[in-house]
Amino acid sequence: MPGMVEETKSILWYVVEELGTGTYVDLMAQYYPAGLVGKYKRDGYAEIDRHLARDEYRRAAAFARELGLRRLDERSHASGAQLPAAPAPGR
């Protein structure tokens, strides 16, 4: 999720501790804000009213590799490389 790299790291740590480094992991890069997310400030989720940034994805993937996760989905890695470099201004 956008802006939630630390939460992603916690989840990856849990996967390694509970399931092991051979667990298949798909770090999905295609998050798309839809519906009422962030609209009209009525739902309280304005912080995820943007796409994931390339750097956020890369940091999560690097941490997964540091933990020893070796079955990362390569299709998602390719998608992550196509993400925008940073959040859009004003987001």
PDB file of N, CA and C in Angstrom:
ATOM      1  N   MET A   1       0.841  -1.177   0.000  1.00  0.00           N
ATOM      2  CA  MET A   1       0.000   0.000   0.000  1.00  0.00           C
ATOM      3  C   MET A   1       0.890   1.244   0.000  1.00  0.00           C
ATOM      4  N   PRO A   2       0.434   2.294  -0.627  1.00  0.00           N
ATOM      5  CA  PRO A   2       1.214   3.538  -0.653  1.00  0.00           C
ATOM      6  C   PRO A   2       1.495   4.041   0.760  1.00  0.00           C
ATOM      7  N   GLY A   3       2.745   4.417   1.005  1.00  0.00           N
ATOM      8  CA  GLY A   3       3.117   4.995   2.285  1.00  0.00           C
ATOM      9  C   GLY A   3       3.210   4.013   3.432  1.00  0.00           C
ATOM     10  N   MET A   4       3.178   2.731   3.156  1.00  0.00           N
ATOM     11  CA  MET A   4       3.147   1.733   4.225  1.00  0.00           C
ATOM     12  C   MET A   4       4.275   0.710   4.113  1.00  0.00           C
ATOM     13  N   VAL A   5       5.474   1.190   3.815  1.00  0.00           N
ATOM     14  CA  VAL A   5       6.619   0.286   3.669  1.00  0.00           C
ATOM     15  C   VAL A   5       6.921  -0.418   4.993  1.00  0.00           C
ATOM     16  N   GLU A   6       6.841   0.289   6.103  1.00  0.00           N
ATOM     17  CA  GLU A   6       7.148  -0.334   7.400  1.00  0.00           C
ATOM     18  C   GLU A   6       6.159  -1.461   7.721  1.00  0.00           C
ATOM     19  N   GLU A   7       4.894  -1.262   7.387  1.00  0.00           N
ATOM     20  CA  GLU A   7       3.911  -2.318   7.600  1.00  0.00           C
ATOM     21  C   GLU A   7       4.218  -3.521   6.714  1.00  0.00           C
ATOM     22  N   THR A   8       4.645  -3.257   5.484  1.00  0.00           N
ATOM     23  CA  THR A   8       5.017  -4.334   4.563  1.00  0.00           C
ATOM     24  C   THR A   8       6.196  -5.114   5.124  1.00  0.00           C
ATOM     25  N   LYS A   9       7.173  -4.410   5.684  1.00  0.00           N
ATOM     26  CA  LYS A   9       8.321  -5.089   6.282  1.00  0.00           C
ATOM     27  C   LYS A   9       7.889  -5.995   7.429  1.00  0.00           C
ATOM     28  N   SER A  10       6.959  -5.531   8.245  1.00  0.00           N
ATOM     29  CA  SER A  10       6.456  -6.355   9.352  1.00  0.00           C
ATOM     30  C   SER A  10       5.788  -7.620   8.838  1.00  0.00           C
ATOM     31  N   ILE A  11       5.029  -7.488   7.776  1.00  0.00           N
ATOM     32  CA  ILE A  11       4.354  -8.658   7.200  1.00  0.00           C
ATOM     33  C   ILE A  11       5.377  -9.624   6.611  1.00  0.00           C
ATOM     34  N   LEU A  12       6.381  -9.106   5.906  1.00  0.00           N
ATOM     35  CA  LEU A  12       7.417  -9.971   5.338  1.00  0.00           C
ATOM     36  C   LEU A  12       8.183 -10.699   6.444  1.00  0.00           C
ATOM     37  N   TRP A  13       8.472  -9.996   7.530  1.00  0.00           N
ATOM     38  CA  TRP A  13       9.153 -10.617   8.663  1.00  0.00           C
ATOM     39  C   TRP A  13       8.299 -11.762   9.216  1.00  0.00           C
ATOM     40  N   TYR A  14       7.006 -11.520   9.351  1.00  0.00           N
ATOM     41  CA  TYR A  14       6.086 -12.555   9.828  1.00  0.00           C
ATOM     42  C   TYR A  14       6.102 -13.768   8.896  1.00  0.00           C
ATOM     43  N   VAL A  15       6.065 -13.533   7.592  1.00  0.00           N
ATOM     44  CA  VAL A  15       6.085 -14.634   6.619  1.00  0.00           C
ATOM     45  C   VAL A  15       7.337 -15.479   6.811  1.00  0.00           C
ATOM     46  N   VAL A  16       8.484 -14.840   6.945  1.00  0.00           N
ATOM     47  CA  VAL A  16       9.741 -15.571   7.121  1.00  0.00           C
ATOM     48  C   VAL A  16       9.724 -16.366   8.425  1.00  0.00           C
ATOM     49  N   GLU A  17       9.309 -15.736   9.509  1.00  0.00           N
ATOM     50  CA  GLU A  17       9.302 -16.392  10.816  1.00  0.00           C
ATOM     51  C   GLU A  17       8.321 -17.559  10.884  1.00  0.00           C
ATOM     52  N   GLU A  18       7.145 -17.389  10.318  1.00  0.00           N
ATOM     53  CA  GLU A  18       6.092 -18.400  10.440  1.00  0.00           C
ATOM     54  C   GLU A  18       6.070 -19.418   9.307  1.00  0.00           C
ATOM     55  N   LEU A  19       6.477 -19.009   8.105  1.00  0.00           N
ATOM     56  CA  LEU A  19       6.344 -19.887   6.939  1.00  0.00           C
ATOM     57  C   LEU A  19       7.681 -20.250   6.300  1.00  0.00           C
ATOM     58  N   GLY A  20       8.712 -19.469   6.550  1.00  0.00           N
ATOM     59  CA  GLY A  20      10.031 -19.769   6.026  1.00  0.00           C
ATOM     60  C   GLY A  20      10.374 -18.995   4.768  1.00  0.00           C
ATOM     61  N   THR A  21      11.664 -19.030   4.440  1.00  0.00           N
ATOM     62  CA  THR A  21      12.166 -18.254   3.304  1.00  0.00           C
ATOM     63  C   THR A  21      11.811 -18.853   1.948  1.00  0.00           C
ATOM     64  N   GLY A  22      11.308 -20.080   1.927  1.00  0.00           N
ATOM     65  CA  GLY A  22      10.909 -20.706   0.664  1.00  0.00           C
ATOM     66  C   GLY A  22       9.482 -20.393   0.265  1.00  0.00           C
ATOM     67  N   THR A  23       8.814 -19.552   1.039  1.00  0.00           N
ATOM     68  CA  THR A  23       7.425 -19.194   0.756  1.00  0.00           C
ATOM     69  C   THR A  23       7.339 -18.287  -0.474  1.00  0.00           C
ATOM     70  N   TYR A  24       6.424 -18.604  -1.371  1.00  0.00           N
ATOM     71  CA  TYR A  24       6.186 -17.768  -2.549  1.00  0.00           C
ATOM     72  C   TYR A  24       5.573 -16.453  -2.098  1.00  0.00           C
ATOM     73  N   VAL A  25       6.132 -15.338  -2.546  1.00  0.00           N
ATOM     74  CA  VAL A  25       5.639 -14.018  -2.171  1.00  0.00           C
ATOM     75  C   VAL A  25       5.434 -13.180  -3.431  1.00  0.00           C
ATOM     76  N   ASP A  26       4.277 -12.566  -3.509  1.00  0.00           N
ATOM     77  CA  ASP A  26       3.967 -11.663  -4.618  1.00  0.00           C
ATOM     78  C   ASP A  26       3.807 -10.260  -4.036  1.00  0.00           C
ATOM     79  N   LEU A  27       4.826  -9.449  -4.170  1.00  0.00           N
ATOM     80  CA  LEU A  27       4.751  -8.049  -3.754  1.00  0.00           C
ATOM     81  C   LEU A  27       4.051  -7.292  -4.879  1.00  0.00           C
ATOM     82  N   MET A  28       2.773  -7.146  -4.742  1.00  0.00           N
ATOM     83  CA  MET A  28       1.966  -6.606  -5.825  1.00  0.00           C
ATOM     84  C   MET A  28       2.192  -5.107  -6.007  1.00  0.00           C
ATOM     85  N   ALA A  29       2.452  -4.721  -7.236  1.00  0.00           N
ATOM     86  CA  ALA A  29       2.765  -3.335  -7.564  1.00  0.00           C
ATOM     87  C   ALA A  29       1.583  -2.588  -8.168  1.00  0.00           C
ATOM     88  N   GLN A  30       0.473  -3.264  -8.393  1.00  0.00           N
ATOM     89  CA  GLN A  30      -0.588  -2.649  -9.191  1.00  0.00           C
ATOM     90  C   GLN A  30      -1.695  -1.962  -8.395  1.00  0.00           C
ATOM     91  N   TYR A  31      -1.455  -1.602  -7.140  1.00  0.00           N
ATOM     92  CA  TYR A  31      -2.490  -0.929  -6.367  1.00  0.00           C
ATOM     93  C   TYR A  31      -3.030   0.276  -7.142  1.00  0.00           C
ATOM     94  N   TYR A  32      -4.328   0.390  -7.179  1.00  0.00           N
ATOM     95  CA  TYR A  32      -4.982   1.492  -7.876  1.00  0.00           C
ATOM     96  C   TYR A  32      -6.064   2.058  -6.961  1.00  0.00           C
ATOM     97  N   PRO A  33      -5.989   3.345  -6.603  1.00  0.00           N
ATOM     98  CA  PRO A  33      -7.035   3.918  -5.759  1.00  0.00           C
ATOM     99  C   PRO A  33      -8.346   4.018  -6.542  1.00  0.00           C
ATOM    100  N   ALA A  34      -9.386   3.478  -5.993  1.00  0.00           N
ATOM    101  CA  ALA A  34     -10.668   3.458  -6.705  1.00  0.00           C
ATOM    102  C   ALA A  34     -11.814   3.734  -5.730  1.00  0.00           C
ATOM    103  N   GLY A  35     -12.981   3.826  -6.279  1.00  0.00           N
ATOM    104  CA  GLY A  35     -14.157   4.049  -5.457  1.00  0.00           C
ATOM    105  C   GLY A  35     -14.095   5.391  -4.756  1.00  0.00           C
ATOM    106  N   LEU A  36     -14.388   5.374  -3.474  1.00  0.00           N
ATOM    107  CA  LEU A  36     -14.417   6.611  -2.700  1.00  0.00           C
ATOM    108  C   LEU A  36     -13.127   6.876  -1.943  1.00  0.00           C
ATOM    109  N   VAL A  37     -12.078   6.094  -2.191  1.00  0.00           N
ATOM    110  CA  VAL A  37     -10.825   6.283  -1.464  1.00  0.00           C
ATOM    111  C   VAL A  37     -10.341   7.719  -1.628  1.00  0.00           C
ATOM    112  N   GLY A  38     -10.281   8.422  -0.519  1.00  0.00           N
ATOM    113  CA  GLY A  38      -9.777   9.790  -0.516  1.00  0.00           C
ATOM    114  C   GLY A  38     -10.712  10.833  -1.083  1.00  0.00           C
ATOM    115  N   LYS A  39     -11.795  10.427  -1.690  1.00  0.00           N
ATOM    116  CA  LYS A  39     -12.708  11.390  -2.312  1.00  0.00           C
ATOM    117  C   LYS A  39     -13.498  12.145  -1.249  1.00  0.00           C
ATOM    118  N   TYR A  40     -13.535  13.408  -1.394  1.00  0.00           N
ATOM    119  CA  TYR A  40     -14.353  14.286  -0.560  1.00  0.00           C
ATOM    120  C   TYR A  40     -13.999  14.215   0.923  1.00  0.00           C
ATOM    121  N   LYS A  41     -12.845  13.603   1.254  1.00  0.00           N
ATOM    122  CA  LYS A  41     -12.358  13.476   2.636  1.00  0.00           C
ATOM    123  C   LYS A  41     -13.388  12.819   3.552  1.00  0.00           C
ATOM    124  N   ARG A  42     -14.274  12.022   3.012  1.00  0.00           N
ATOM    125  CA  ARG A  42     -15.318  11.450   3.855  1.00  0.00           C
ATOM    126  C   ARG A  42     -15.014  10.052   4.357  1.00  0.00           C
ATOM    127  N   ASP A  43     -14.034   9.383   3.770  1.00  0.00           N
ATOM    128  CA  ASP A  43     -13.789   8.013   4.202  1.00  0.00           C
ATOM    129  C   ASP A  43     -12.568   7.855   5.100  1.00  0.00           C
ATOM    130  N   GLY A  44     -11.756   8.901   5.250  1.00  0.00           N
ATOM    131  CA  GLY A  44     -10.614   8.832   6.139  1.00  0.00           C
ATOM    132  C   GLY A  44      -9.403   8.103   5.584  1.00  0.00           C
ATOM    133  N   TYR A  45      -9.341   7.863   4.286  1.00  0.00           N
ATOM    134  CA  TYR A  45      -8.221   7.131   3.699  1.00  0.00           C
ATOM    135  C   TYR A  45      -7.483   7.946   2.643  1.00  0.00           C
ATOM    136  N   ALA A  46      -7.370   9.229   2.835  1.00  0.00           N
ATOM    137  CA  ALA A  46      -6.714  10.087   1.845  1.00  0.00           C
ATOM    138  C   ALA A  46      -5.261   9.678   1.614  1.00  0.00           C
ATOM    139  N   GLU A  47      -4.606   9.081   2.622  1.00  0.00           N
ATOM    140  CA  GLU A  47      -3.194   8.718   2.481  1.00  0.00           C
ATOM    141  C   GLU A  47      -2.954   7.613   1.453  1.00  0.00           C
ATOM    142  N   ILE A  48      -3.978   6.881   1.071  1.00  0.00           N
ATOM    143  CA  ILE A  48      -3.801   5.848   0.048  1.00  0.00           C
ATOM    144  C   ILE A  48      -4.493   6.222  -1.260  1.00  0.00           C
ATOM    145  N   ASP A  49      -4.769   7.498  -1.427  1.00  0.00           N
ATOM    146  CA  ASP A  49      -5.391   7.977  -2.654  1.00  0.00           C
ATOM    147  C   ASP A  49      -4.312   8.342  -3.676  1.00  0.00           C
ATOM    148  N   ARG A  50      -3.414   7.371  -3.917  1.00  0.00           N
ATOM    149  CA  ARG A  50      -2.364   7.538  -4.922  1.00  0.00           C
ATOM    150  C   ARG A  50      -1.807   6.157  -5.256  1.00  0.00           C
ATOM    151  N   HIS A  51      -1.073   6.102  -6.352  1.00  0.00           N
ATOM    152  CA  HIS A  51      -0.411   4.859  -6.720  1.00  0.00           C
ATOM    153  C   HIS A  51       0.812   4.647  -5.832  1.00  0.00           C
ATOM    154  N   LEU A  52       1.266   3.445  -5.779  1.00  0.00           N
ATOM    155  CA  LEU A  52       2.515   3.117  -5.108  1.00  0.00           C
ATOM    156  C   LEU A  52       3.666   3.753  -5.880  1.00  0.00           C
ATOM    157  N   ALA A  53       4.665   4.259  -5.187  1.00  0.00           N
ATOM    158  CA  ALA A  53       5.839   4.847  -5.847  1.00  0.00           C
ATOM    159  C   ALA A  53       6.888   3.754  -6.082  1.00  0.00           C
ATOM    160  N   ARG A  54       7.667   3.916  -7.130  1.00  0.00           N
ATOM    161  CA  ARG A  54       8.705   2.944  -7.483  1.00  0.00           C
ATOM    162  C   ARG A  54       9.647   2.683  -6.304  1.00  0.00           C
ATOM    163  N   ASP A  55      10.070   3.743  -5.611  1.00  0.00           N
ATOM    164  CA  ASP A  55      10.984   3.590  -4.489  1.00  0.00           C
ATOM    165  C   ASP A  55      10.359   2.774  -3.351  1.00  0.00           C
ATOM    166  N   GLU A  56       9.081   2.971  -3.106  1.00  0.00           N
ATOM    167  CA  GLU A  56       8.403   2.191  -2.067  1.00  0.00           C
ATOM    168  C   GLU A  56       8.448   0.707  -2.414  1.00  0.00           C
ATOM    169  N   TYR A  57       8.165   0.402  -3.665  1.00  0.00           N
ATOM    170  CA  TYR A  57       8.193  -0.995  -4.098  1.00  0.00           C
ATOM    171  C   TYR A  57       9.609  -1.561  -3.990  1.00  0.00           C
ATOM    172  N   ARG A  58      10.581  -0.813  -4.463  1.00  0.00           N
ATOM    173  CA  ARG A  58      11.976  -1.299  -4.425  1.00  0.00           C
ATOM    174  C   ARG A  58      12.453  -1.536  -3.000  1.00  0.00           C
ATOM    175  N   ARG A  59      12.082  -0.653  -2.066  1.00  0.00           N
ATOM    176  CA  ARG A  59      12.483  -0.840  -0.667  1.00  0.00           C
ATOM    177  C   ARG A  59      11.873  -2.104  -0.087  1.00  0.00           C
ATOM    178  N   ALA A  60      10.621  -2.366  -0.403  1.00  0.00           N
ATOM    179  CA  ALA A  60       9.971  -3.583   0.090  1.00  0.00           C
ATOM    180  C   ALA A  60      10.627  -4.829  -0.516  1.00  0.00           C
ATOM    181  N   ALA A  61      10.914  -4.794  -1.802  1.00  0.00           N
ATOM    182  CA  ALA A  61      11.548  -5.938  -2.468  1.00  0.00           C
ATOM    183  C   ALA A  61      12.960  -6.174  -1.938  1.00  0.00           C
ATOM    184  N   ALA A  62      13.705  -5.108  -1.699  1.00  0.00           N
ATOM    185  CA  ALA A  62      15.059  -5.247  -1.155  1.00  0.00           C
ATOM    186  C   ALA A  62      15.012  -5.864   0.234  1.00  0.00           C
ATOM    187  N   PHE A  63      14.056  -5.448   1.038  1.00  0.00           N
ATOM    188  CA  PHE A  63      13.930  -6.013   2.380  1.00  0.00           C
ATOM    189  C   PHE A  63      13.576  -7.493   2.310  1.00  0.00           C
ATOM    190  N   ALA A  64      12.694  -7.854   1.388  1.00  0.00           N
ATOM    191  CA  ALA A  64      12.332  -9.268   1.222  1.00  0.00           C
ATOM    192  C   ALA A  64      13.569 -10.098   0.888  1.00  0.00           C
ATOM    193  N   ARG A  65      14.410  -9.582   0.015  1.00  0.00           N
ATOM    194  CA  ARG A  65      15.646 -10.300  -0.333  1.00  0.00           C
ATOM    195  C   ARG A  65      16.601 -10.361   0.859  1.00  0.00           C
ATOM    196  N   GLU A  66      16.694  -9.271   1.628  1.00  0.00           N
ATOM    197  CA  GLU A  66      17.541  -9.269   2.826  1.00  0.00           C
ATOM    198  C   GLU A  66      17.108 -10.347   3.817  1.00  0.00           C
ATOM    199  N   LEU A  67      15.810 -10.567   3.903  1.00  0.00           N
ATOM    200  CA  LEU A  67      15.282 -11.592   4.806  1.00  0.00           C
ATOM    201  C   LEU A  67      15.531 -13.004   4.284  1.00  0.00           C
ATOM    202  N   GLY A  68      15.938 -13.103   3.026  1.00  0.00           N
ATOM    203  CA  GLY A  68      16.202 -14.417   2.455  1.00  0.00           C
ATOM    204  C   GLY A  68      15.055 -15.004   1.659  1.00  0.00           C
ATOM    205  N   LEU A  69      13.992 -14.229   1.468  1.00  0.00           N
ATOM    206  CA  LEU A  69      12.889 -14.715   0.639  1.00  0.00           C
ATOM    207  C   LEU A  69      13.401 -14.864  -0.791  1.00  0.00           C
ATOM    208  N   ARG A  70      13.282 -16.058  -1.315  1.00  0.00           N
ATOM    209  CA  ARG A  70      13.881 -16.329  -2.622  1.00  0.00           C
ATOM    210  C   ARG A  70      12.858 -16.673  -3.701  1.00  0.00           C
ATOM    211  N   ARG A  71      11.596 -16.661  -3.347  1.00  0.00           N
ATOM    212  CA  ARG A  71      10.559 -16.970  -4.337  1.00  0.00           C
ATOM    213  C   ARG A  71       9.663 -15.751  -4.547  1.00  0.00           C
ATOM    214  N   LEU A  72      10.272 -14.622  -4.924  1.00  0.00           N
ATOM    215  CA  LEU A  72       9.513 -13.407  -5.209  1.00  0.00           C
ATOM    216  C   LEU A  72       8.999 -13.461  -6.632  1.00  0.00           C
ATOM    217  N   ASP A  73       7.771 -13.074  -6.835  1.00  0.00           N
ATOM    218  CA  ASP A  73       7.155 -13.095  -8.154  1.00  0.00           C
ATOM    219  C   ASP A  73       7.847 -12.090  -9.072  1.00  0.00           C
ATOM    220  N   GLU A  74       8.474 -12.575 -10.112  1.00  0.00           N
ATOM    221  CA  GLU A  74       9.219 -11.716 -11.026  1.00  0.00           C
ATOM    222  C   GLU A  74       8.308 -10.833 -11.878  1.00  0.00           C
ATOM    223  N   ARG A  75       7.091 -11.271 -12.139  1.00  0.00           N
ATOM    224  CA  ARG A  75       6.167 -10.424 -12.908  1.00  0.00           C
ATOM    225  C   ARG A  75       5.857  -9.157 -12.141  1.00  0.00           C
ATOM    226  N   SER A  76       5.668  -9.277 -10.828  1.00  0.00           N
ATOM    227  CA  SER A  76       5.407  -8.089 -10.014  1.00  0.00           C
ATOM    228  C   SER A  76       6.633  -7.195  -9.963  1.00  0.00           C
ATOM    229  N   HIS A  77       7.823  -7.807  -9.934  1.00  0.00           N
ATOM    230  CA  HIS A  77       9.055  -7.018  -9.929  1.00  0.00           C
ATOM    231  C   HIS A  77       9.132  -6.168 -11.202  1.00  0.00           C
ATOM    232  N   ALA A  78       8.784  -6.744 -12.329  1.00  0.00           N
ATOM    233  CA  ALA A  78       8.783  -5.996 -13.592  1.00  0.00           C
ATOM    234  C   ALA A  78       7.748  -4.872 -13.543  1.00  0.00           C
ATOM    235  N   SER A  79       6.588  -5.138 -12.954  1.00  0.00           N
ATOM    236  CA  SER A  79       5.567  -4.096 -12.815  1.00  0.00           C
ATOM    237  C   SER A  79       6.041  -2.985 -11.893  1.00  0.00           C
ATOM    238  N   GLY A  80       6.759  -3.353 -10.843  1.00  0.00           N
ATOM    239  CA  GLY A  80       7.279  -2.370  -9.902  1.00  0.00           C
ATOM    240  C   GLY A  80       8.233  -1.404 -10.547  1.00  0.00           C
ATOM    241  N   ALA A  81       8.991  -1.876 -11.519  1.00  0.00           N
ATOM    242  CA  ALA A  81       9.942  -1.011 -12.223  1.00  0.00           C
ATOM    243  C   ALA A  81       9.229   0.033 -13.075  1.00  0.00           C
ATOM    244  N   GLN A  82       7.964  -0.194 -13.393  1.00  0.00           N
ATOM    245  CA  GLN A  82       7.196   0.721 -14.223  1.00  0.00           C
ATOM    246  C   GLN A  82       6.428   1.765 -13.402  1.00  0.00           C
ATOM    247  N   LEU A  83       6.494   1.671 -12.096  1.00  0.00           N
ATOM    248  CA  LEU A  83       5.766   2.613 -11.244  1.00  0.00           C
ATOM    249  C   LEU A  83       6.349   4.013 -11.363  1.00  0.00           C
ATOM    250  N   PRO A  84       5.559   5.043 -11.028  1.00  0.00           N
ATOM    251  CA  PRO A  84       6.086   6.405 -11.048  1.00  0.00           C
ATOM    252  C   PRO A  84       7.190   6.552  -9.996  1.00  0.00           C
ATOM    253  N   ALA A  85       8.122   7.454 -10.249  1.00  0.00           N
ATOM    254  CA  ALA A  85       9.276   7.626  -9.365  1.00  0.00           C
ATOM    255  C   ALA A  85       8.893   8.122  -7.980  1.00  0.00           C
ATOM    256  N   ALA A  86       7.895   8.953  -7.865  1.00  0.00           N
ATOM    257  CA  ALA A  86       7.496   9.517  -6.576  1.00  0.00           C
ATOM    258  C   ALA A  86       6.018   9.848  -6.621  1.00  0.00           C
ATOM    259  N   PRO A  87       5.390  10.003  -5.461  1.00  0.00           N
ATOM    260  CA  PRO A  87       3.976  10.405  -5.450  1.00  0.00           C
ATOM    261  C   PRO A  87       3.776  11.721  -6.193  1.00  0.00           C
ATOM    262  N   ALA A  88       2.639  11.853  -6.808  1.00  0.00           N
ATOM    263  CA  ALA A  88       2.326  13.086  -7.520  1.00  0.00           C
ATOM    264  C   ALA A  88       2.294  14.262  -6.540  1.00  0.00           C
ATOM    265  N   PRO A  89       2.695  15.445  -6.965  1.00  0.00           N
ATOM    266  CA  PRO A  89       2.646  16.625  -6.083  1.00  0.00           C
ATOM    267  C   PRO A  89       1.244  16.820  -5.522  1.00  0.00           C
ATOM    268  N   GLY A  90       1.189  17.199  -4.253  1.00  0.00           N
ATOM    269  CA  GLY A  90      -0.095  17.438  -3.631  1.00  0.00           C
ATOM    270  C   GLY A  90      -0.759  16.194  -3.110  1.00  0.00           C
ATOM    271  N   ARG A  91      -0.092  15.075  -3.169  1.00  0.00           N
ATOM    272  CA  ARG A  91      -0.675  13.820  -2.678  1.00  0.00           C
ATOM    273  C   ARG A  91      -0.029  13.428  -1.384  1.00  0.00           C
TER     274      ARG A  91
END
